[in-house]
N, C-alpha and C. Protein backbone atom coordinates (compact mmCIF):
# COMPACT_ATOMS: atom_id res chain seq x y z
N MET A 1 2.63 13.76 17.27
CA MET A 1 2.50 12.31 17.36
C MET A 1 3.23 11.66 16.18
N ALA A 2 3.90 10.59 16.44
CA ALA A 2 4.63 9.90 15.38
C ALA A 2 3.64 9.20 14.44
N VAL A 3 4.07 9.04 13.20
CA VAL A 3 3.26 8.32 12.22
C VAL A 3 3.50 6.83 12.42
N LEU A 4 2.41 6.07 12.54
CA LEU A 4 2.50 4.63 12.74
C LEU A 4 2.70 3.92 11.41
N GLU A 5 3.48 2.85 11.43
CA GLU A 5 3.62 1.97 10.28
C GLU A 5 2.65 0.82 10.49
N LEU A 6 1.66 0.72 9.62
CA LEU A 6 0.67 -0.35 9.78
C LEU A 6 0.98 -1.53 8.88
N ASN A 7 0.58 -2.69 9.38
CA ASN A 7 0.70 -3.93 8.62
C ASN A 7 -0.52 -4.79 8.96
N LYS A 8 -0.55 -5.96 8.39
CA LYS A 8 -1.70 -6.84 8.57
C LYS A 8 -1.94 -7.15 10.05
N SER A 9 -0.89 -7.27 10.84
CA SER A 9 -1.05 -7.68 12.23
C SER A 9 -1.52 -6.56 13.16
N ASN A 10 -1.24 -5.29 12.84
CA ASN A 10 -1.65 -4.20 13.74
C ASN A 10 -2.75 -3.31 13.15
N PHE A 11 -3.20 -3.60 11.94
CA PHE A 11 -4.19 -2.75 11.28
C PHE A 11 -5.51 -2.71 12.05
N ASP A 12 -6.11 -3.88 12.30
CA ASP A 12 -7.42 -3.92 12.94
C ASP A 12 -7.42 -3.24 14.31
N ASP A 13 -6.40 -3.52 15.12
CA ASP A 13 -6.34 -2.89 16.44
C ASP A 13 -6.23 -1.38 16.34
N THR A 14 -5.48 -0.90 15.37
CA THR A 14 -5.32 0.54 15.20
C THR A 14 -6.65 1.19 14.84
N ILE A 15 -7.39 0.58 13.93
CA ILE A 15 -8.68 1.12 13.52
C ILE A 15 -9.68 1.06 14.68
N LYS A 16 -9.69 -0.05 15.42
CA LYS A 16 -10.64 -0.23 16.52
C LYS A 16 -10.36 0.68 17.70
N ASN A 17 -9.10 0.96 17.98
CA ASN A 17 -8.72 1.66 19.21
C ASN A 17 -8.47 3.15 19.04
N ASN A 18 -8.78 3.70 17.89
CA ASN A 18 -8.58 5.13 17.65
C ASN A 18 -9.83 5.69 16.96
N ASP A 19 -10.29 6.83 17.43
CA ASP A 19 -11.52 7.43 16.91
C ASP A 19 -11.38 7.80 15.43
N ILE A 20 -10.29 8.51 15.11
CA ILE A 20 -10.05 8.93 13.72
C ILE A 20 -8.65 8.46 13.32
N VAL A 21 -8.59 7.74 12.21
CA VAL A 21 -7.31 7.27 11.68
C VAL A 21 -7.22 7.69 10.22
N ILE A 22 -6.12 8.35 9.86
CA ILE A 22 -5.86 8.65 8.45
C ILE A 22 -4.73 7.75 7.99
N LEU A 23 -4.95 7.12 6.85
CA LEU A 23 -3.98 6.19 6.28
C LEU A 23 -3.37 6.79 5.02
N ASP A 24 -2.08 6.63 4.89
CA ASP A 24 -1.36 7.00 3.67
C ASP A 24 -0.83 5.71 3.06
N PHE A 25 -1.46 5.28 1.96
CA PHE A 25 -0.97 4.12 1.21
C PHE A 25 0.13 4.62 0.28
N TRP A 26 1.32 4.05 0.38
CA TRP A 26 2.49 4.54 -0.35
C TRP A 26 3.38 3.37 -0.75
N ALA A 27 4.43 3.69 -1.51
CA ALA A 27 5.46 2.70 -1.86
C ALA A 27 6.81 3.41 -1.94
N PRO A 28 7.89 2.69 -1.63
CA PRO A 28 9.22 3.31 -1.60
C PRO A 28 9.66 3.88 -2.95
N TRP A 29 9.20 3.31 -4.06
CA TRP A 29 9.62 3.75 -5.40
C TRP A 29 8.79 4.91 -5.93
N CYS A 30 7.77 5.33 -5.19
CA CYS A 30 6.80 6.33 -5.66
C CYS A 30 7.30 7.75 -5.38
N GLY A 31 7.61 8.49 -6.44
CA GLY A 31 8.09 9.87 -6.29
C GLY A 31 7.10 10.78 -5.57
N PRO A 32 5.83 10.81 -6.00
CA PRO A 32 4.85 11.65 -5.30
C PRO A 32 4.68 11.27 -3.82
N CYS A 33 4.83 9.97 -3.52
CA CYS A 33 4.74 9.52 -2.13
C CYS A 33 5.87 10.12 -1.30
N LYS A 34 7.07 10.09 -1.87
CA LYS A 34 8.24 10.65 -1.18
C LYS A 34 8.09 12.16 -1.00
N SER A 35 7.54 12.82 -1.99
CA SER A 35 7.35 14.27 -1.89
C SER A 35 6.30 14.62 -0.84
N PHE A 36 5.28 13.79 -0.71
CA PHE A 36 4.19 14.05 0.22
C PHE A 36 4.56 13.71 1.67
N ALA A 37 5.49 12.80 1.87
CA ALA A 37 5.83 12.29 3.21
C ALA A 37 6.14 13.41 4.22
N PRO A 38 6.95 14.43 3.88
CA PRO A 38 7.21 15.48 4.88
C PRO A 38 5.96 16.25 5.29
N THR A 39 5.05 16.48 4.35
CA THR A 39 3.79 17.16 4.67
C THR A 39 2.97 16.31 5.63
N TYR A 40 2.87 15.03 5.34
CA TYR A 40 2.10 14.11 6.17
C TYR A 40 2.69 14.06 7.58
N GLU A 41 4.01 13.94 7.67
CA GLU A 41 4.70 13.92 8.97
C GLU A 41 4.43 15.21 9.74
N ALA A 42 4.54 16.35 9.06
CA ALA A 42 4.33 17.65 9.72
C ALA A 42 2.90 17.77 10.23
N MET A 43 1.94 17.31 9.44
CA MET A 43 0.54 17.40 9.86
C MET A 43 0.27 16.50 11.06
N SER A 44 0.98 15.39 11.16
CA SER A 44 0.78 14.48 12.30
C SER A 44 1.16 15.17 13.61
N GLU A 45 2.05 16.15 13.54
CA GLU A 45 2.46 16.91 14.72
C GLU A 45 1.49 18.06 15.03
N LYS A 46 0.76 18.51 14.02
CA LYS A 46 -0.09 19.70 14.17
C LYS A 46 -1.55 19.39 14.50
N ILE A 47 -2.05 18.25 14.07
CA ILE A 47 -3.47 17.93 14.21
C ILE A 47 -3.67 17.00 15.40
N ASP A 48 -4.45 17.45 16.37
CA ASP A 48 -4.75 16.62 17.54
C ASP A 48 -5.98 15.76 17.27
N GLY A 49 -6.04 14.64 17.96
CA GLY A 49 -7.21 13.79 17.90
C GLY A 49 -7.28 12.90 16.67
N VAL A 50 -6.20 12.83 15.91
CA VAL A 50 -6.15 12.00 14.71
C VAL A 50 -4.90 11.12 14.77
N THR A 51 -5.08 9.84 14.49
CA THR A 51 -3.95 8.92 14.41
C THR A 51 -3.50 8.86 12.95
N PHE A 52 -2.25 9.20 12.71
CA PHE A 52 -1.67 9.17 11.36
C PHE A 52 -0.92 7.85 11.18
N ALA A 53 -1.19 7.17 10.08
CA ALA A 53 -0.54 5.88 9.82
C ALA A 53 -0.21 5.76 8.35
N LYS A 54 0.80 4.94 8.06
CA LYS A 54 1.23 4.68 6.69
C LYS A 54 1.18 3.18 6.44
N ILE A 55 0.85 2.83 5.20
CA ILE A 55 0.85 1.43 4.78
C ILE A 55 1.69 1.33 3.51
N ASN A 56 2.79 0.60 3.61
CA ASN A 56 3.66 0.37 2.47
C ASN A 56 2.99 -0.69 1.59
N THR A 57 2.52 -0.28 0.42
CA THR A 57 1.78 -1.18 -0.46
C THR A 57 2.63 -2.31 -1.03
N GLU A 58 3.94 -2.12 -1.05
CA GLU A 58 4.84 -3.20 -1.51
C GLU A 58 4.88 -4.32 -0.48
N ASP A 59 4.98 -3.95 0.80
CA ASP A 59 5.06 -4.93 1.87
C ASP A 59 3.69 -5.47 2.27
N GLU A 60 2.66 -4.67 2.10
CA GLU A 60 1.32 -5.02 2.57
C GLU A 60 0.34 -5.09 1.40
N GLN A 61 0.66 -5.94 0.44
CA GLN A 61 -0.16 -6.06 -0.76
C GLN A 61 -1.58 -6.54 -0.45
N GLU A 62 -1.73 -7.35 0.59
CA GLU A 62 -3.06 -7.83 0.96
C GLU A 62 -3.94 -6.66 1.43
N LEU A 63 -3.40 -5.79 2.28
CA LEU A 63 -4.17 -4.62 2.73
C LEU A 63 -4.48 -3.69 1.57
N ALA A 64 -3.51 -3.46 0.71
CA ALA A 64 -3.74 -2.61 -0.45
C ALA A 64 -4.84 -3.18 -1.33
N GLY A 65 -4.83 -4.49 -1.50
CA GLY A 65 -5.86 -5.15 -2.29
C GLY A 65 -7.23 -5.08 -1.63
N GLN A 66 -7.25 -5.24 -0.32
CA GLN A 66 -8.50 -5.19 0.43
C GLN A 66 -9.22 -3.85 0.21
N PHE A 67 -8.44 -2.78 0.11
CA PHE A 67 -9.02 -1.44 -0.07
C PHE A 67 -8.98 -0.98 -1.52
N GLN A 68 -8.65 -1.90 -2.42
CA GLN A 68 -8.65 -1.63 -3.86
C GLN A 68 -7.81 -0.40 -4.22
N ILE A 69 -6.61 -0.34 -3.64
CA ILE A 69 -5.70 0.77 -3.92
C ILE A 69 -5.12 0.57 -5.31
N ARG A 70 -5.39 1.50 -6.21
CA ARG A 70 -4.94 1.42 -7.59
C ARG A 70 -3.93 2.51 -7.94
N SER A 71 -3.86 3.51 -7.08
CA SER A 71 -2.98 4.65 -7.32
C SER A 71 -2.39 5.07 -5.98
N ILE A 72 -1.12 5.45 -6.00
CA ILE A 72 -0.50 5.91 -4.75
C ILE A 72 0.18 7.25 -4.99
N PRO A 73 0.23 8.08 -3.99
CA PRO A 73 -0.36 7.87 -2.68
C PRO A 73 -1.89 7.91 -2.73
N THR A 74 -2.51 7.17 -1.84
CA THR A 74 -3.95 7.26 -1.60
C THR A 74 -4.14 7.51 -0.12
N LEU A 75 -4.98 8.47 0.20
CA LEU A 75 -5.31 8.77 1.59
C LEU A 75 -6.70 8.23 1.89
N MET A 76 -6.83 7.64 3.07
CA MET A 76 -8.11 7.10 3.51
C MET A 76 -8.30 7.48 4.98
N ILE A 77 -9.53 7.86 5.32
CA ILE A 77 -9.83 8.23 6.70
C ILE A 77 -10.91 7.29 7.24
N PHE A 78 -10.65 6.76 8.43
CA PHE A 78 -11.63 5.99 9.18
C PHE A 78 -12.05 6.81 10.39
N ARG A 79 -13.34 6.84 10.65
CA ARG A 79 -13.83 7.45 11.89
C ARG A 79 -14.77 6.44 12.52
N GLU A 80 -14.49 6.13 13.77
CA GLU A 80 -15.28 5.14 14.51
C GLU A 80 -15.43 3.85 13.69
N GLN A 81 -14.33 3.42 13.10
CA GLN A 81 -14.21 2.16 12.36
C GLN A 81 -14.96 2.16 11.03
N ILE A 82 -15.38 3.32 10.56
CA ILE A 82 -16.08 3.42 9.28
C ILE A 82 -15.20 4.23 8.32
N ALA A 83 -14.97 3.69 7.14
CA ALA A 83 -14.22 4.44 6.12
C ALA A 83 -15.11 5.57 5.62
N ILE A 84 -14.66 6.81 5.82
CA ILE A 84 -15.48 7.96 5.45
C ILE A 84 -14.86 8.78 4.33
N PHE A 85 -13.61 8.45 3.94
CA PHE A 85 -12.93 9.24 2.91
C PHE A 85 -11.86 8.38 2.27
N SER A 86 -11.75 8.48 0.96
CA SER A 86 -10.67 7.83 0.23
C SER A 86 -10.42 8.64 -1.03
N GLN A 87 -9.15 9.02 -1.22
CA GLN A 87 -8.81 9.83 -2.40
C GLN A 87 -7.36 9.59 -2.80
N PRO A 88 -7.14 9.27 -4.07
CA PRO A 88 -5.75 9.14 -4.53
C PRO A 88 -5.12 10.53 -4.69
N GLY A 89 -3.82 10.57 -4.54
CA GLY A 89 -3.07 11.81 -4.75
C GLY A 89 -2.66 12.46 -3.45
N ALA A 90 -1.56 13.19 -3.53
CA ALA A 90 -1.06 13.94 -2.38
C ALA A 90 -1.94 15.17 -2.17
N MET A 91 -1.86 15.74 -0.97
CA MET A 91 -2.62 16.95 -0.65
C MET A 91 -1.69 17.99 -0.05
N ALA A 92 -2.05 19.24 -0.27
CA ALA A 92 -1.36 20.33 0.41
C ALA A 92 -1.77 20.32 1.88
N GLU A 93 -0.95 20.90 2.74
CA GLU A 93 -1.24 20.94 4.17
C GLU A 93 -2.63 21.50 4.45
N ALA A 94 -2.96 22.62 3.83
CA ALA A 94 -4.24 23.27 4.08
C ALA A 94 -5.42 22.37 3.69
N ASP A 95 -5.29 21.68 2.56
CA ASP A 95 -6.36 20.78 2.12
C ASP A 95 -6.50 19.59 3.07
N LEU A 96 -5.39 19.07 3.51
CA LEU A 96 -5.41 17.95 4.44
C LEU A 96 -6.06 18.37 5.75
N ALA A 97 -5.71 19.55 6.24
CA ALA A 97 -6.32 20.07 7.47
C ALA A 97 -7.82 20.23 7.31
N THR A 98 -8.26 20.73 6.16
CA THR A 98 -9.69 20.91 5.90
C THR A 98 -10.42 19.58 5.93
N VAL A 99 -9.87 18.58 5.25
CA VAL A 99 -10.51 17.26 5.20
C VAL A 99 -10.59 16.64 6.60
N LEU A 100 -9.52 16.76 7.37
CA LEU A 100 -9.51 16.18 8.72
C LEU A 100 -10.49 16.91 9.64
N ASN A 101 -10.58 18.22 9.51
CA ASN A 101 -11.55 18.97 10.33
C ASN A 101 -12.98 18.58 9.96
N LYS A 102 -13.24 18.37 8.69
CA LYS A 102 -14.58 17.92 8.27
C LYS A 102 -14.86 16.52 8.81
N ALA A 103 -13.86 15.67 8.84
CA ALA A 103 -14.03 14.33 9.40
C ALA A 103 -14.39 14.41 10.87
N LYS A 104 -13.77 15.32 11.59
CA LYS A 104 -14.07 15.50 13.02
C LYS A 104 -15.49 16.01 13.24
N GLU A 105 -15.99 16.81 12.30
CA GLU A 105 -17.30 17.44 12.46
C GLU A 105 -18.46 16.53 12.05
N LEU A 106 -18.18 15.44 11.36
CA LEU A 106 -19.24 14.56 10.89
C LEU A 106 -20.12 14.06 12.03
N ASP A 107 -21.41 14.00 11.78
CA ASP A 107 -22.36 13.42 12.71
C ASP A 107 -22.38 11.91 12.43
N MET A 108 -21.68 11.15 13.24
CA MET A 108 -21.53 9.73 12.97
C MET A 108 -22.84 8.96 13.16
N ALA A 109 -23.75 9.46 13.98
CA ALA A 109 -25.06 8.82 14.09
C ALA A 109 -25.78 8.90 12.75
N GLU A 110 -25.66 10.04 12.07
CA GLU A 110 -26.27 10.22 10.76
C GLU A 110 -25.59 9.31 9.73
N VAL A 111 -24.26 9.21 9.81
CA VAL A 111 -23.52 8.33 8.89
C VAL A 111 -23.98 6.89 9.06
N ARG A 112 -24.11 6.43 10.30
CA ARG A 112 -24.56 5.06 10.55
C ARG A 112 -25.98 4.84 10.03
N LYS A 113 -26.83 5.84 10.22
CA LYS A 113 -28.21 5.76 9.72
C LYS A 113 -28.21 5.62 8.20
N GLU A 114 -27.39 6.41 7.52
CA GLU A 114 -27.31 6.33 6.05
C GLU A 114 -26.83 4.96 5.60
N ILE A 115 -25.86 4.40 6.31
CA ILE A 115 -25.35 3.06 5.97
C ILE A 115 -26.45 2.03 6.14
N GLU A 116 -27.20 2.11 7.24
CA GLU A 116 -28.30 1.18 7.48
C GLU A 116 -29.37 1.32 6.40
N ASP A 117 -29.70 2.56 6.04
CA ASP A 117 -30.69 2.80 4.98
C ASP A 117 -30.24 2.18 3.66
N GLN A 118 -28.96 2.31 3.35
CA GLN A 118 -28.43 1.74 2.11
C GLN A 118 -28.49 0.22 2.13
N LYS A 119 -28.22 -0.36 3.29
CA LYS A 119 -28.29 -1.83 3.42
C LYS A 119 -29.72 -2.32 3.20
N LYS A 120 -30.69 -1.57 3.75
CA LYS A 120 -32.10 -1.96 3.62
C LYS A 120 -32.56 -1.88 2.16
N GLU A 121 -32.00 -0.90 1.42
CA GLU A 121 -32.38 -0.73 0.03
C GLU A 121 -31.76 -1.80 -0.87
N GLY A 122 -30.77 -2.49 -0.31
CA GLY A 122 -30.19 -3.60 -1.05
C GLY A 122 -28.94 -3.25 -1.73
């Protein structure tokens, strides 16, 4: 599957219409981002059931600010419209596969329950 380029206009629809979305926040001037890009692209072809997307932080400063991106690359995973993972830094293929498989295995009913419990606690 090709990696999607996300922006302010297609971000919400992408998150709403895909079960699992992994985001790569990057910038054209970022050396580690450029080094990580081939790994990210390769994994998008190998992992089924996950939508791979990139957000150029230079062009999409509002989105980067919304998610408080302070370091790039930063990877973020949404599952069923809930942010379940965020980590700065590039990852090796094996580590990325492990994180995505764990995201697939999450019990989202339990995640929602924990979120509700946290809201009740204030």
